Protein backbone atom coordinates (compact mmCIF):
# COMPACT_ATOMS: atom_id res chain seq x y z
CA UNK A 1 84.45 -34.36 -146.60
CA UNK A 2 87.67 -36.05 -147.61
CA UNK A 3 90.51 -35.06 -150.08
CA UNK A 4 91.33 -36.80 -152.96
CA UNK A 5 93.80 -36.02 -156.05
CA UNK A 6 92.65 -36.46 -159.79
CA UNK A 7 95.14 -38.05 -162.10
CA UNK A 8 96.23 -33.83 -163.15
CA UNK A 9 97.10 -33.47 -159.47
CA UNK A 10 94.10 -31.21 -158.99
CA UNK A 11 93.03 -31.93 -155.44
CA UNK A 12 89.09 -31.69 -154.20
CA UNK A 13 87.02 -32.70 -151.86
CA UNK A 14 84.07 -35.23 -151.80
CA UNK A 15 81.24 -36.18 -149.24
CA UNK A 16 82.49 -40.08 -148.50
CA UNK A 17 78.04 -40.64 -147.69
CA UNK A 18 77.53 -39.86 -151.19
CA UNK A 19 80.14 -42.51 -152.35
CA UNK A 20 78.38 -45.62 -153.52
CA UNK A 21 81.49 -47.46 -154.73
CA UNK A 22 85.08 -47.50 -155.63
CA UNK A 23 86.77 -49.52 -158.16
CA UNK A 24 89.79 -50.37 -159.39
CA UNK A 25 90.37 -50.86 -162.67
CA UNK A 26 94.09 -50.46 -162.44
CA UNK A 27 92.82 -46.65 -162.10
CA UNK A 28 91.08 -46.02 -159.19
CA UNK A 29 87.24 -45.26 -159.68
CA UNK A 30 84.85 -43.53 -157.24
CA UNK A 31 81.58 -43.80 -158.17
CA UNK A 32 79.00 -41.29 -156.72
CA UNK A 33 75.36 -41.91 -155.61
CA UNK A 34 74.44 -40.07 -158.72
CA UNK A 35 76.38 -41.61 -161.50
CA UNK A 36 79.47 -39.07 -161.19
CA UNK A 37 83.21 -41.17 -161.85
CA UNK A 38 86.24 -39.79 -160.64
CA UNK A 39 89.64 -41.36 -161.75
CA UNK A 40 91.76 -40.41 -158.45
CA UNK A 41 95.71 -41.25 -157.47
CA UNK A 42 94.62 -42.74 -153.81
CA UNK A 43 94.09 -46.67 -153.94
CA UNK A 44 90.67 -48.22 -152.76
CA UNK A 45 92.74 -49.12 -149.21
CA UNK A 46 93.61 -45.40 -148.87
CA UNK A 47 89.97 -44.18 -149.62
CA UNK A 48 88.29 -46.85 -147.17
CA UNK A 49 90.92 -45.52 -144.61
CA UNK A 50 89.96 -41.79 -145.79
CA UNK A 51 86.41 -42.35 -145.53
CA UNK A 52 86.50 -44.31 -141.60
CA UNK A 53 88.73 -41.78 -140.67
CA UNK A 54 86.13 -39.07 -141.34
CA UNK A 55 83.16 -41.00 -139.94
CA UNK A 56 85.32 -41.49 -136.66
CA UNK A 57 85.86 -38.15 -136.52
CA UNK A 58 82.23 -37.40 -136.69
CA UNK A 59 81.37 -39.71 -133.87
CA UNK A 60 83.96 -38.10 -131.82
CA UNK A 61 83.19 -34.84 -132.23
CA UNK A 62 79.39 -35.70 -131.65
CA UNK A 63 80.43 -37.28 -128.34
CA UNK A 64 82.67 -34.79 -127.34
CA UNK A 65 80.16 -32.14 -128.15
CA UNK A 66 77.33 -33.75 -125.87
CA UNK A 67 79.46 -34.30 -123.23
CA UNK A 68 79.02 -31.24 -120.66
CA UNK A 69 81.61 -29.91 -118.47
CA UNK A 70 80.77 -27.12 -115.92
CA UNK A 71 78.36 -25.79 -118.37
CA UNK A 72 80.94 -25.94 -121.42
CA UNK A 73 80.52 -28.31 -124.14
CA UNK A 74 83.79 -29.62 -125.22
CA UNK A 75 85.19 -30.10 -128.77
CA UNK A 76 88.55 -31.73 -128.54
CA UNK A 77 88.24 -32.69 -132.14
CA UNK A 78 88.86 -28.66 -133.31
CA UNK A 79 90.38 -28.34 -130.06
CA UNK A 80 88.38 -25.38 -129.53
CA UNK A 81 85.75 -24.93 -125.90
CA UNK A 82 82.25 -23.58 -127.02
CA UNK A 83 79.71 -22.28 -124.72
CA UNK A 84 76.82 -24.75 -124.76
CA UNK A 85 73.48 -24.19 -126.88
CA UNK A 86 70.98 -26.27 -124.38
CA UNK A 87 71.66 -27.12 -120.57
CA UNK A 88 71.37 -30.60 -118.84
CA UNK A 89 68.93 -30.88 -116.02
CA UNK A 90 69.77 -33.28 -113.38
CA UNK A 91 68.54 -37.13 -113.19
CA UNK A 92 65.59 -37.38 -111.11
CA UNK A 93 66.07 -40.05 -108.39
């Protein structure tokens, strides 16, 4: 989720995967795939940066969780260490 701010100052979270487009007219309008529109304080470049950062964090988390170090999955994005939910069989030669 990314956090955006309505023109009234109210903050809300939106799933960036549901954003269809962002327009500046001069206010910034975020349109979701279902047609819902939000007027927000952030500009187009800020929203694009938030989406890129969100997706990078998702990929980083997926990579970290997939890595197994001595039986412990590493989740460095959250700073927590979790016991693995799976085991990794050694590769056959």
